[in-house]
Amino acid sequence: QKYDMVDDGEKSPKDSCVAGLLSLFFGPLGIHDFYCGKSKNG
C-alpha cells in the first residue's frame, strides 16, 4: 500500500497575532509586511 506521511508544512516563525495587530492599526502603511519580511509590498 502506498502511504504518504501527513505533513502540515513548515510554518512561518513570525507571530500571526503581531502581524494581525500591525495590519489592523497600520496596515495601509505596510508595517505588517515589513515585519514579515515582505519589504517590497510594504
PDB file of all heavy atoms in Angstrom:
ATOM      1  N   GLN A   1       0.832  -1.202   0.000  1.00  0.00           N
ATOM      2  CA  GLN A   1       0.000   0.000   0.000  1.00  0.00           C
ATOM      3  C   GLN A   1       0.862   1.246   0.000  1.00  0.00           C
ATOM      4  O   GLN A   1       1.800   1.356   0.756  1.00  0.00           O
ATOM      5  CB  GLN A   1      -0.901   0.013   1.246  1.00  0.00           C
ATOM      6  CG  GLN A   1      -1.750   1.273   1.351  1.00  0.00           C
ATOM      7  CD  GLN A   1      -2.571   1.290   2.628  1.00  0.00           C
ATOM      8  OE1 GLN A   1      -2.537   0.305   3.387  1.00  0.00           O
ATOM      9  NE2 GLN A   1      -3.267   2.368   2.866  1.00  0.00           N
ATOM     10  N   LYS A   2       0.527   2.180  -0.918  1.00  0.00           N
ATOM     11  CA  LYS A   2       1.239   3.452  -0.934  1.00  0.00           C
ATOM     12  C   LYS A   2       0.762   4.292   0.230  1.00  0.00           C
ATOM     13  O   LYS A   2      -0.428   4.364   0.527  1.00  0.00           O
ATOM     14  CB  LYS A   2       0.982   4.189  -2.248  1.00  0.00           C
ATOM     15  CG  LYS A   2       1.590   3.498  -3.447  1.00  0.00           C
ATOM     16  CD  LYS A   2       1.394   4.337  -4.694  1.00  0.00           C
ATOM     17  CE  LYS A   2       2.030   3.662  -5.894  1.00  0.00           C
ATOM     18  NZ  LYS A   2       1.855   4.470  -7.125  1.00  0.00           N
ATOM     19  N   TYR A   3       1.653   4.993   0.864  1.00  0.00           N
ATOM     20  CA  TYR A   3       1.287   5.789   2.047  1.00  0.00           C
ATOM     21  C   TYR A   3       2.083   7.072   2.056  1.00  0.00           C
ATOM     22  O   TYR A   3       3.293   7.063   1.870  1.00  0.00           O
ATOM     23  CB  TYR A   3       1.584   4.982   3.324  1.00  0.00           C
ATOM     24  CG  TYR A   3       1.253   5.737   4.585  1.00  0.00           C
ATOM     25  CD1 TYR A   3      -0.055   5.798   5.036  1.00  0.00           C
ATOM     26  CD2 TYR A   3       2.257   6.409   5.294  1.00  0.00           C
ATOM     27  CE1 TYR A   3      -0.347   6.501   6.188  1.00  0.00           C
ATOM     28  CE2 TYR A   3       1.956   7.100   6.436  1.00  0.00           C
ATOM     29  CZ  TYR A   3       0.653   7.152   6.886  1.00  0.00           C
ATOM     30  OH  TYR A   3       0.350   7.832   8.014  1.00  0.00           O
ATOM     31  N   ASP A   4       1.384   8.173   2.206  1.00  0.00           N
ATOM     32  CA  ASP A   4       2.038   9.482   2.278  1.00  0.00           C
ATOM     33  C   ASP A   4       1.973   9.980   3.708  1.00  0.00           C
ATOM     34  O   ASP A   4       0.907   9.974   4.332  1.00  0.00           O
ATOM     35  CB  ASP A   4       1.340  10.499   1.358  1.00  0.00           C
ATOM     36  CG  ASP A   4       1.509  10.131  -0.106  1.00  0.00           C
ATOM     37  OD1 ASP A   4       2.579   9.581  -0.437  1.00  0.00           O
ATOM     38  OD2 ASP A   4       0.562  10.372  -0.892  1.00  0.00           O
ATOM     39  N   MET A   5       3.090  10.363   4.215  1.00  0.00           N
ATOM     40  CA  MET A   5       3.129  10.899   5.572  1.00  0.00           C
ATOM     41  C   MET A   5       2.352  12.197   5.645  1.00  0.00           C
ATOM     42  O   MET A   5       2.408  13.026   4.725  1.00  0.00           O
ATOM     43  CB  MET A   5       4.584  11.161   5.982  1.00  0.00           C
ATOM     44  CG  MET A   5       5.408   9.890   6.134  1.00  0.00           C
ATOM     45  SD  MET A   5       4.851   8.869   7.491  1.00  0.00           S
ATOM     46  CE  MET A   5       5.367   9.876   8.869  1.00  0.00           C
ATOM     47  N   VAL A   6       1.552  12.416   6.697  1.00  0.00           N
ATOM     48  CA  VAL A   6       0.807  13.666   6.891  1.00  0.00           C
ATOM     49  C   VAL A   6       1.790  14.759   7.264  1.00  0.00           C
ATOM     50  O   VAL A   6       2.550  14.636   8.217  1.00  0.00           O
ATOM     51  CB  VAL A   6      -0.253  13.506   8.003  1.00  0.00           C
ATOM     52  CG1 VAL A   6      -0.944  14.836   8.250  1.00  0.00           C
ATOM     53  CG2 VAL A   6      -1.246  12.428   7.619  1.00  0.00           C
ATOM     54  N   ASP A   7       1.739  15.824   6.451  1.00  0.00           N
ATOM     55  CA  ASP A   7       2.693  16.913   6.675  1.00  0.00           C
ATOM     56  C   ASP A   7       1.970  18.241   6.569  1.00  0.00           C
ATOM     57  O   ASP A   7       1.462  18.596   5.503  1.00  0.00           O
ATOM     58  CB  ASP A   7       3.814  16.833   5.639  1.00  0.00           C
ATOM     59  CG  ASP A   7       4.888  17.891   5.904  1.00  0.00           C
ATOM     60  OD1 ASP A   7       4.810  18.543   6.961  1.00  0.00           O
ATOM     61  OD2 ASP A   7       5.772  18.046   5.047  1.00  0.00           O
ATOM     62  N   ASP A   8       1.821  18.911   7.676  1.00  0.00           N
ATOM     63  CA  ASP A   8       1.125  20.201   7.669  1.00  0.00           C
ATOM     64  C   ASP A   8       1.947  21.285   7.001  1.00  0.00           C
ATOM     65  O   ASP A   8       1.467  22.381   6.763  1.00  0.00           O
ATOM     66  CB  ASP A   8       0.792  20.635   9.116  1.00  0.00           C
ATOM     67  CG  ASP A   8      -0.269  19.733   9.721  1.00  0.00           C
ATOM     68  OD1 ASP A   8      -1.055  19.177   8.933  1.00  0.00           O
ATOM     69  OD2 ASP A   8      -0.292  19.590  10.949  1.00  0.00           O
ATOM     70  N   GLY A   9       3.176  21.049   6.690  1.00  0.00           N
ATOM     71  CA  GLY A   9       4.026  22.047   6.052  1.00  0.00           C
ATOM     72  C   GLY A   9       4.702  22.927   7.087  1.00  0.00           C
ATOM     73  O   GLY A   9       4.243  23.111   8.211  1.00  0.00           O
ATOM     74  N   GLU A  10       5.785  23.518   6.676  1.00  0.00           N
ATOM     75  CA  GLU A  10       6.532  24.386   7.581  1.00  0.00           C
ATOM     76  C   GLU A  10       5.820  25.718   7.718  1.00  0.00           C
ATOM     77  O   GLU A  10       5.322  26.291   6.739  1.00  0.00           O
ATOM     78  CB  GLU A  10       7.941  24.593   7.031  1.00  0.00           C
ATOM     79  CG  GLU A  10       8.853  25.386   7.962  1.00  0.00           C
ATOM     80  CD  GLU A  10      10.241  25.555   7.389  1.00  0.00           C
ATOM     81  OE1 GLU A  10      10.494  24.992   6.293  1.00  0.00           O
ATOM     82  OE2 GLU A  10      11.055  26.247   8.021  1.00  0.00           O
ATOM     83  N   LYS A  11       5.732  26.207   8.918  1.00  0.00           N
ATOM     84  CA  LYS A  11       5.069  27.478   9.194  1.00  0.00           C
ATOM     85  C   LYS A  11       6.093  28.584   9.385  1.00  0.00           C
ATOM     86  O   LYS A  11       7.239  28.346   9.755  1.00  0.00           O
ATOM     87  CB  LYS A  11       4.197  27.366  10.453  1.00  0.00           C
ATOM     88  CG  LYS A  11       3.037  26.396  10.334  1.00  0.00           C
ATOM     89  CD  LYS A  11       2.025  26.839   9.310  1.00  0.00           C
ATOM     90  CE  LYS A  11       0.819  25.897   9.283  1.00  0.00           C
ATOM     91  NZ  LYS A  11      -0.173  26.300   8.262  1.00  0.00           N
ATOM     92  N   SER A  12       5.629  29.807   9.174  1.00  0.00           N
ATOM     93  CA  SER A  12       6.493  30.967   9.354  1.00  0.00           C
ATOM     94  C   SER A  12       6.779  31.172  10.839  1.00  0.00           C
ATOM     95  O   SER A  12       5.909  30.964  11.692  1.00  0.00           O
ATOM     96  CB  SER A  12       5.818  32.216   8.789  1.00  0.00           C
ATOM     97  OG  SER A  12       6.533  33.383   9.142  1.00  0.00           O
ATOM     98  N   PRO A  13       7.982  31.598  11.163  1.00  0.00           N
ATOM     99  CA  PRO A  13       8.296  31.871  12.568  1.00  0.00           C
ATOM    100  C   PRO A  13       7.672  33.177  13.055  1.00  0.00           C
ATOM    101  O   PRO A  13       7.708  33.469  14.253  1.00  0.00           O
ATOM    102  CB  PRO A  13       9.825  31.954  12.567  1.00  0.00           C
ATOM    103  CG  PRO A  13      10.175  32.394  11.180  1.00  0.00           C
ATOM    104  CD  PRO A  13       9.159  31.739  10.290  1.00  0.00           C
ATOM    105  N   LYS A  14       7.116  33.947  12.162  1.00  0.00           N
ATOM    106  CA  LYS A  14       6.517  35.222  12.555  1.00  0.00           C
ATOM    107  C   LYS A  14       5.206  34.984  13.296  1.00  0.00           C
ATOM    108  O   LYS A  14       4.436  34.074  12.972  1.00  0.00           O
ATOM    109  CB  LYS A  14       6.265  36.095  11.318  1.00  0.00           C
ATOM    110  CG  LYS A  14       7.538  36.442  10.537  1.00  0.00           C
ATOM    111  CD  LYS A  14       8.493  37.271  11.378  1.00  0.00           C
ATOM    112  CE  LYS A  14       9.723  37.667  10.579  1.00  0.00           C
ATOM    113  NZ  LYS A  14      10.678  38.466  11.364  1.00  0.00           N
ATOM    114  N   ASP A  15       4.946  35.826  14.280  1.00  0.00           N
ATOM    115  CA  ASP A  15       3.742  35.711  15.102  1.00  0.00           C
ATOM    116  C   ASP A  15       2.552  36.290  14.350  1.00  0.00           C
ATOM    117  O   ASP A  15       2.534  37.479  14.007  1.00  0.00           O
ATOM    118  CB  ASP A  15       3.949  36.464  16.417  1.00  0.00           C
ATOM    119  CG  ASP A  15       2.853  36.173  17.431  1.00  0.00           C
ATOM    120  OD1 ASP A  15       1.679  36.105  17.020  1.00  0.00           O
ATOM    121  OD2 ASP A  15       3.163  36.030  18.619  1.00  0.00           O
ATOM    122  N   SER A  16       1.545  35.469  14.088  1.00  0.00           N
ATOM    123  CA  SER A  16       0.383  35.919  13.322  1.00  0.00           C
ATOM    124  C   SER A  16      -0.434  36.968  14.081  1.00  0.00           C
ATOM    125  O   SER A  16      -1.048  37.842  13.466  1.00  0.00           O
ATOM    126  CB  SER A  16      -0.509  34.735  12.962  1.00  0.00           C
ATOM    127  OG  SER A  16      -0.949  34.051  14.131  1.00  0.00           O
ATOM    128  N   CYS A  17      -0.437  36.893  15.408  1.00  0.00           N
ATOM    129  CA  CYS A  17      -1.172  37.895  16.195  1.00  0.00           C
ATOM    130  C   CYS A  17      -0.522  39.270  16.063  1.00  0.00           C
ATOM    131  O   CYS A  17      -1.222  40.283  15.909  1.00  0.00           O
ATOM    132  CB  CYS A  17      -1.222  37.477  17.662  1.00  0.00           C
ATOM    133  SG  CYS A  17      -2.322  36.085  17.988  1.00  0.00           S
ATOM    134  N   VAL A  18       0.814  39.302  16.106  1.00  0.00           N
ATOM    135  CA  VAL A  18       1.521  40.566  15.927  1.00  0.00           C
ATOM    136  C   VAL A  18       1.263  41.106  14.525  1.00  0.00           C
ATOM    137  O   VAL A  18       0.967  42.292  14.336  1.00  0.00           O
ATOM    138  CB  VAL A  18       3.035  40.383  16.165  1.00  0.00           C
ATOM    139  CG1 VAL A  18       3.782  41.667  15.817  1.00  0.00           C
ATOM    140  CG2 VAL A  18       3.302  39.983  17.607  1.00  0.00           C
ATOM    141  N   ALA A  19       1.365  40.219  13.526  1.00  0.00           N
ATOM    142  CA  ALA A  19       1.116  40.642  12.147  1.00  0.00           C
ATOM    143  C   ALA A  19      -0.305  41.160  11.987  1.00  0.00           C
ATOM    144  O   ALA A  19      -0.552  42.161  11.308  1.00  0.00           O
ATOM    145  CB  ALA A  19       1.368  39.481  11.191  1.00  0.00           C
ATOM    146  N   GLY A  20      -1.258  40.478  12.630  1.00  0.00           N
ATOM    147  CA  GLY A  20      -2.654  40.904  12.538  1.00  0.00           C
ATOM    148  C   GLY A  20      -2.891  42.268  13.158  1.00  0.00           C
ATOM    149  O   GLY A  20      -3.597  43.110  12.605  1.00  0.00           O
ATOM    150  N   LEU A  21      -2.289  42.502  14.334  1.00  0.00           N
ATOM    151  CA  LEU A  21      -2.446  43.796  15.000  1.00  0.00           C
ATOM    152  C   LEU A  21      -1.793  44.922  14.196  1.00  0.00           C
ATOM    153  O   LEU A  21      -2.343  46.024  14.078  1.00  0.00           O
ATOM    154  CB  LEU A  21      -1.851  43.733  16.399  1.00  0.00           C
ATOM    155  CG  LEU A  21      -2.615  42.866  17.412  1.00  0.00           C
ATOM    156  CD1 LEU A  21      -1.836  42.746  18.709  1.00  0.00           C
ATOM    157  CD2 LEU A  21      -4.013  43.451  17.671  1.00  0.00           C
ATOM    158  N   LEU A  22      -0.619  44.644  13.621  1.00  0.00           N
ATOM    159  CA  LEU A  22       0.047  45.657  12.791  1.00  0.00           C
ATOM    160  C   LEU A  22      -0.785  45.964  11.550  1.00  0.00           C
ATOM    161  O   LEU A  22      -0.886  47.121  11.129  1.00  0.00           O
ATOM    162  CB  LEU A  22       1.442  45.161  12.388  1.00  0.00           C
ATOM    163  CG  LEU A  22       2.471  45.058  13.514  1.00  0.00           C
ATOM    164  CD1 LEU A  22       3.765  44.446  12.984  1.00  0.00           C
ATOM    165  CD2 LEU A  22       2.753  46.439  14.121  1.00  0.00           C
ATOM    166  N   SER A  23      -1.401  44.924  10.991  1.00  0.00           N
ATOM    167  CA  SER A  23      -2.252  45.123   9.821  1.00  0.00           C
ATOM    168  C   SER A  23      -3.505  45.904  10.187  1.00  0.00           C
ATOM    169  O   SER A  23      -3.954  46.769   9.433  1.00  0.00           O
ATOM    170  CB  SER A  23      -2.633  43.766   9.228  1.00  0.00           C
ATOM    171  OG  SER A  23      -3.568  43.915   8.182  1.00  0.00           O
ATOM    172  N   LEU A  24      -4.056  45.601  11.360  1.00  0.00           N
ATOM    173  CA  LEU A  24      -5.290  46.257  11.791  1.00  0.00           C
ATOM    174  C   LEU A  24      -5.094  47.753  12.020  1.00  0.00           C
ATOM    175  O   LEU A  24      -5.922  48.568  11.608  1.00  0.00           O
ATOM    176  CB  LEU A  24      -5.808  45.583  13.067  1.00  0.00           C
ATOM    177  CG  LEU A  24      -7.093  46.158  13.679  1.00  0.00           C
ATOM    178  CD1 LEU A  24      -8.254  46.013  12.707  1.00  0.00           C
ATOM    179  CD2 LEU A  24      -7.408  45.451  14.994  1.00  0.00           C
ATOM    180  N   PHE A  25      -3.982  48.124  12.666  1.00  0.00           N
ATOM    181  CA  PHE A  25      -3.777  49.529  13.050  1.00  0.00           C
ATOM    182  C   PHE A  25      -2.893  50.314  12.070  1.00  0.00           C
ATOM    183  O   PHE A  25      -3.045  51.529  11.955  1.00  0.00           O
ATOM    184  CB  PHE A  25      -3.173  49.602  14.454  1.00  0.00           C
ATOM    185  CG  PHE A  25      -4.105  49.122  15.538  1.00  0.00           C
ATOM    186  CD1 PHE A  25      -3.912  47.893  16.147  1.00  0.00           C
ATOM    187  CD2 PHE A  25      -5.180  49.891  15.933  1.00  0.00           C
ATOM    188  CE1 PHE A  25      -4.771  47.440  17.132  1.00  0.00           C
ATOM    189  CE2 PHE A  25      -6.052  49.453  16.918  1.00  0.00           C
ATOM    190  CZ  PHE A  25      -5.845  48.220  17.520  1.00  0.00           C
ATOM    191  N   PHE A  26      -1.976  49.637  11.391  1.00  0.00           N
ATOM    192  CA  PHE A  26      -1.055  50.347  10.497  1.00  0.00           C
ATOM    193  C   PHE A  26      -0.992  49.709   9.110  1.00  0.00           C
ATOM    194  O   PHE A  26      -0.033  49.932   8.378  1.00  0.00           O
ATOM    195  CB  PHE A  26       0.366  50.365  11.098  1.00  0.00           C
ATOM    196  CG  PHE A  26       0.426  50.856  12.514  1.00  0.00           C
ATOM    197  CD1 PHE A  26       0.594  49.958  13.567  1.00  0.00           C
ATOM    198  CD2 PHE A  26       0.299  52.206  12.799  1.00  0.00           C
ATOM    199  CE1 PHE A  26       0.649  50.401  14.883  1.00  0.00           C
ATOM    200  CE2 PHE A  26       0.352  52.656  14.113  1.00  0.00           C
ATOM    201  CZ  PHE A  26       0.523  51.765  15.155  1.00  0.00           C
ATOM    202  N   GLY A  27      -2.004  48.915   8.776  1.00  0.00           N
ATOM    203  CA  GLY A  27      -1.986  48.141   7.545  1.00  0.00           C
ATOM    204  C   GLY A  27      -1.714  48.926   6.270  1.00  0.00           C
ATOM    205  O   GLY A  27      -0.849  48.542   5.475  1.00  0.00           O
ATOM    206  N   PRO A  28      -2.408  50.040   6.010  1.00  0.00           N
ATOM    207  CA  PRO A  28      -2.173  50.784   4.771  1.00  0.00           C
ATOM    208  C   PRO A  28      -0.745  51.293   4.619  1.00  0.00           C
ATOM    209  O   PRO A  28      -0.317  51.610   3.510  1.00  0.00           O
ATOM    210  CB  PRO A  28      -3.176  51.943   4.879  1.00  0.00           C
ATOM    211  CG  PRO A  28      -4.272  51.416   5.737  1.00  0.00           C
ATOM    212  CD  PRO A  28      -3.574  50.561   6.749  1.00  0.00           C
ATOM    213  N   LEU A  29      -0.015  51.360   5.722  1.00  0.00           N
ATOM    214  CA  LEU A  29       1.392  51.793   5.658  1.00  0.00           C
ATOM    215  C   LEU A  29       2.334  50.619   5.415  1.00  0.00           C
ATOM    216  O   LEU A  29       3.551  50.809   5.281  1.00  0.00           O
ATOM    217  CB  LEU A  29       1.781  52.499   6.959  1.00  0.00           C
ATOM    218  CG  LEU A  29       0.981  53.768   7.309  1.00  0.00           C
ATOM    219  CD1 LEU A  29       1.426  54.317   8.642  1.00  0.00           C
ATOM    220  CD2 LEU A  29       1.130  54.817   6.215  1.00  0.00           C
ATOM    221  N   GLY A  30       1.791  49.403   5.404  1.00  0.00           N
ATOM    222  CA  GLY A  30       2.600  48.227   5.110  1.00  0.00           C
ATOM    223  C   GLY A  30       3.484  47.766   6.249  1.00  0.00           C
ATOM    224  O   GLY A  30       4.428  46.988   6.023  1.00  0.00           O
ATOM    225  N   ILE A  31       3.205  48.184   7.488  1.00  0.00           N
ATOM    226  CA  ILE A  31       4.075  47.817   8.620  1.00  0.00           C
ATOM    227  C   ILE A  31       4.098  46.311   8.835  1.00  0.00           C
ATOM    228  O   ILE A  31       5.157  45.734   9.129  1.00  0.00           O
ATOM    229  CB  ILE A  31       3.597  48.534   9.906  1.00  0.00           C
ATOM    230  CG1 ILE A  31       3.528  50.048   9.688  1.00  0.00           C
ATOM    231  CG2 ILE A  31       4.530  48.208  11.060  1.00  0.00           C
ATOM    232  CD1 ILE A  31       4.845  50.657   9.281  1.00  0.00           C
ATOM    233  N   HIS A  32       2.949  45.641   8.651  1.00  0.00           N
ATOM    234  CA  HIS A  32       2.924  44.187   8.839  1.00  0.00           C
ATOM    235  C   HIS A  32       3.755  43.481   7.766  1.00  0.00           C
ATOM    236  O   HIS A  32       4.311  42.414   8.007  1.00  0.00           O
ATOM    237  CB  HIS A  32       1.486  43.665   8.836  1.00  0.00           C
ATOM    238  CG  HIS A  32       0.759  43.878   7.543  1.00  0.00           C
ATOM    239  ND1 HIS A  32       0.342  45.119   7.120  1.00  0.00           N
ATOM    240  CD2 HIS A  32       0.391  43.001   6.566  1.00  0.00           C
ATOM    241  CE1 HIS A  32      -0.270  45.003   5.958  1.00  0.00           C
ATOM    242  NE2 HIS A  32      -0.252  43.727   5.593  1.00  0.00           N
ATOM    243  N   ASP A  33       3.831  44.075   6.581  1.00  0.00           N
ATOM    244  CA  ASP A  33       4.664  43.491   5.525  1.00  0.00           C
ATOM    245  C   ASP A  33       6.145  43.573   5.900  1.00  0.00           C
ATOM    246  O   ASP A  33       6.906  42.621   5.694  1.00  0.00           O
ATOM    247  CB  ASP A  33       4.418  44.217   4.199  1.00  0.00           C
ATOM    248  CG  ASP A  33       3.057  43.897   3.612  1.00  0.00           C
ATOM    249  OD1 ASP A  33       2.669  42.721   3.626  1.00  0.00           O
ATOM    250  OD2 ASP A  33       2.369  44.821   3.147  1.00  0.00           O
ATOM    251  N   PHE A  34       6.557  44.735   6.420  1.00  0.00           N
ATOM    252  CA  PHE A  34       7.952  44.869   6.860  1.00  0.00           C
ATOM    253  C   PHE A  34       8.267  43.865   7.963  1.00  0.00           C
ATOM    254  O   PHE A  34       9.334  43.252   7.984  1.00  0.00           O
ATOM    255  CB  PHE A  34       8.219  46.298   7.352  1.00  0.00           C
ATOM    256  CG  PHE A  34       8.233  47.329   6.250  1.00  0.00           C
ATOM    257  CD1 PHE A  34       7.263  48.309   6.176  1.00  0.00           C
ATOM    258  CD2 PHE A  34       9.226  47.315   5.278  1.00  0.00           C
ATOM    259  CE1 PHE A  34       7.274  49.257   5.172  1.00  0.00           C
ATOM    260  CE2 PHE A  34       9.263  48.261   4.272  1.00  0.00           C
ATOM    261  CZ  PHE A  34       8.278  49.237   4.209  1.00  0.00           C
ATOM    262  N   TYR A  35       7.310  43.691   8.890  1.00  0.00           N
ATOM    263  CA  TYR A  35       7.512  42.747   9.997  1.00  0.00           C
ATOM    264  C   TYR A  35       7.689  41.319   9.482  1.00  0.00           C
ATOM    265  O   TYR A  35       8.504  40.557  10.008  1.00  0.00           O
ATOM    266  CB  TYR A  35       6.315  42.812  10.949  1.00  0.00           C
ATOM    267  CG  TYR A  35       6.280  41.695  11.969  1.00  0.00           C
ATOM    268  CD1 TYR A  35       7.159  41.688  13.053  1.00  0.00           C
ATOM    269  CD2 TYR A  35       5.369  40.641  11.846  1.00  0.00           C
ATOM    270  CE1 TYR A  35       7.130  40.657  13.979  1.00  0.00           C
ATOM    271  CE2 TYR A  35       5.335  39.614  12.761  1.00  0.00           C
ATOM    272  CZ  TYR A  35       6.221  39.625  13.834  1.00  0.00           C
ATOM    273  OH  TYR A  35       6.190  38.599  14.746  1.00  0.00           O
ATOM    274  N   CYS A  36       6.955  40.973   8.433  1.00  0.00           N
ATOM    275  CA  CYS A  36       7.005  39.608   7.911  1.00  0.00           C
ATOM    276  C   CYS A  36       8.045  39.427   6.812  1.00  0.00           C
ATOM    277  O   CYS A  36       8.076  38.381   6.150  1.00  0.00           O
ATOM    278  CB  CYS A  36       5.622  39.204   7.382  1.00  0.00           C
ATOM    279  SG  CYS A  36       4.378  39.053   8.680  1.00  0.00           S
ATOM    280  N   GLY A  37       8.867  40.442   6.583  1.00  0.00           N
ATOM    281  CA  GLY A  37       9.935  40.301   5.607  1.00  0.00           C
ATOM    282  C   GLY A  37       9.517  40.536   4.172  1.00  0.00           C
ATOM    283  O   GLY A  37      10.243  40.163   3.242  1.00  0.00           O
ATOM    284  N   LYS A  38       8.359  41.139   3.961  1.00  0.00           N
ATOM    285  CA  LYS A  38       7.891  41.440   2.600  1.00  0.00           C
ATOM    286  C   LYS A  38       8.069  42.937   2.350  1.00  0.00           C
ATOM    287  O   LYS A  38       7.106  43.685   2.193  1.00  0.00           O
ATOM    288  CB  LYS A  38       6.443  41.008   2.433  1.00  0.00           C
ATOM    289  CG  LYS A  38       6.225  39.532   2.714  1.00  0.00           C
ATOM    290  CD  LYS A  38       4.760  39.131   2.701  1.00  0.00           C
ATOM    291  CE  LYS A  38       4.198  39.113   1.313  1.00  0.00           C
ATOM    292  NZ  LYS A  38       2.837  38.569   1.268  1.00  0.00           N
ATOM    293  N   SER A  39       9.318  43.356   2.343  1.00  0.00           N
ATOM    294  CA  SER A  39       9.633  44.785   2.258  1.00  0.00           C
ATOM    295  C   SER A  39       9.117  45.418   0.977  1.00  0.00           C
ATOM    296  O   SER A  39       8.692  46.583   0.973  1.00  0.00           O
ATOM    297  CB  SER A  39      11.151  44.990   2.362  1.00  0.00           C
ATOM    298  OG  SER A  39      11.634  44.500   3.589  1.00  0.00           O
ATOM    299  N   LYS A  40       9.148  44.697  -0.112  1.00  0.00           N
ATOM    300  CA  LYS A  40       8.681  45.246  -1.387  1.00  0.00           C
ATOM    301  C   LYS A  40       7.213  45.670  -1.298  1.00  0.00           C
ATOM    302  O   LYS A  40       6.845  46.775  -1.703  1.00  0.00           O
ATOM    303  CB  LYS A  40       8.871  44.213  -2.500  1.00  0.00           C
ATOM    304  CG  LYS A  40       8.461  44.721  -3.870  1.00  0.00           C
ATOM    305  CD  LYS A  40       8.706  43.655  -4.937  1.00  0.00           C
ATOM    306  CE  LYS A  40       8.264  44.146  -6.317  1.00  0.00           C
ATOM    307  NZ  LYS A  40       8.481  43.113  -7.355  1.00  0.00           N
ATOM    308  N   ASN A  41       6.366  44.767  -0.770  1.00  0.00           N
ATOM    309  CA  ASN A  41       4.950  45.102  -0.589  1.00  0.00           C
ATOM    310  C   ASN A  41       4.784  46.285   0.351  1.00  0.00           C
ATOM    311  O   ASN A  41       3.942  47.166   0.133  1.00  0.00           O
ATOM    312  CB  ASN A  41       4.186  43.896  -0.053  1.00  0.00           C
ATOM    313  CG  ASN A  41       3.981  42.826  -1.100  1.00  0.00           C
ATOM    314  OD1 ASN A  41       4.509  42.933  -2.204  1.00  0.00           O
ATOM    315  ND2 ASN A  41       3.229  41.791  -0.769  1.00  0.00           N
ATOM    316  N   GLY A  42       5.576  46.284   1.424  1.00  0.00           N
ATOM    317  CA  GLY A  42       5.484  47.370   2.391  1.00  0.00           C
ATOM    318  C   GLY A  42       5.828  48.714   1.779  1.00  0.00           C
ATOM    319  O   GLY A  42       5.154  49.720   2.030  1.00  0.00           O
TER     320      GLY A  42
END
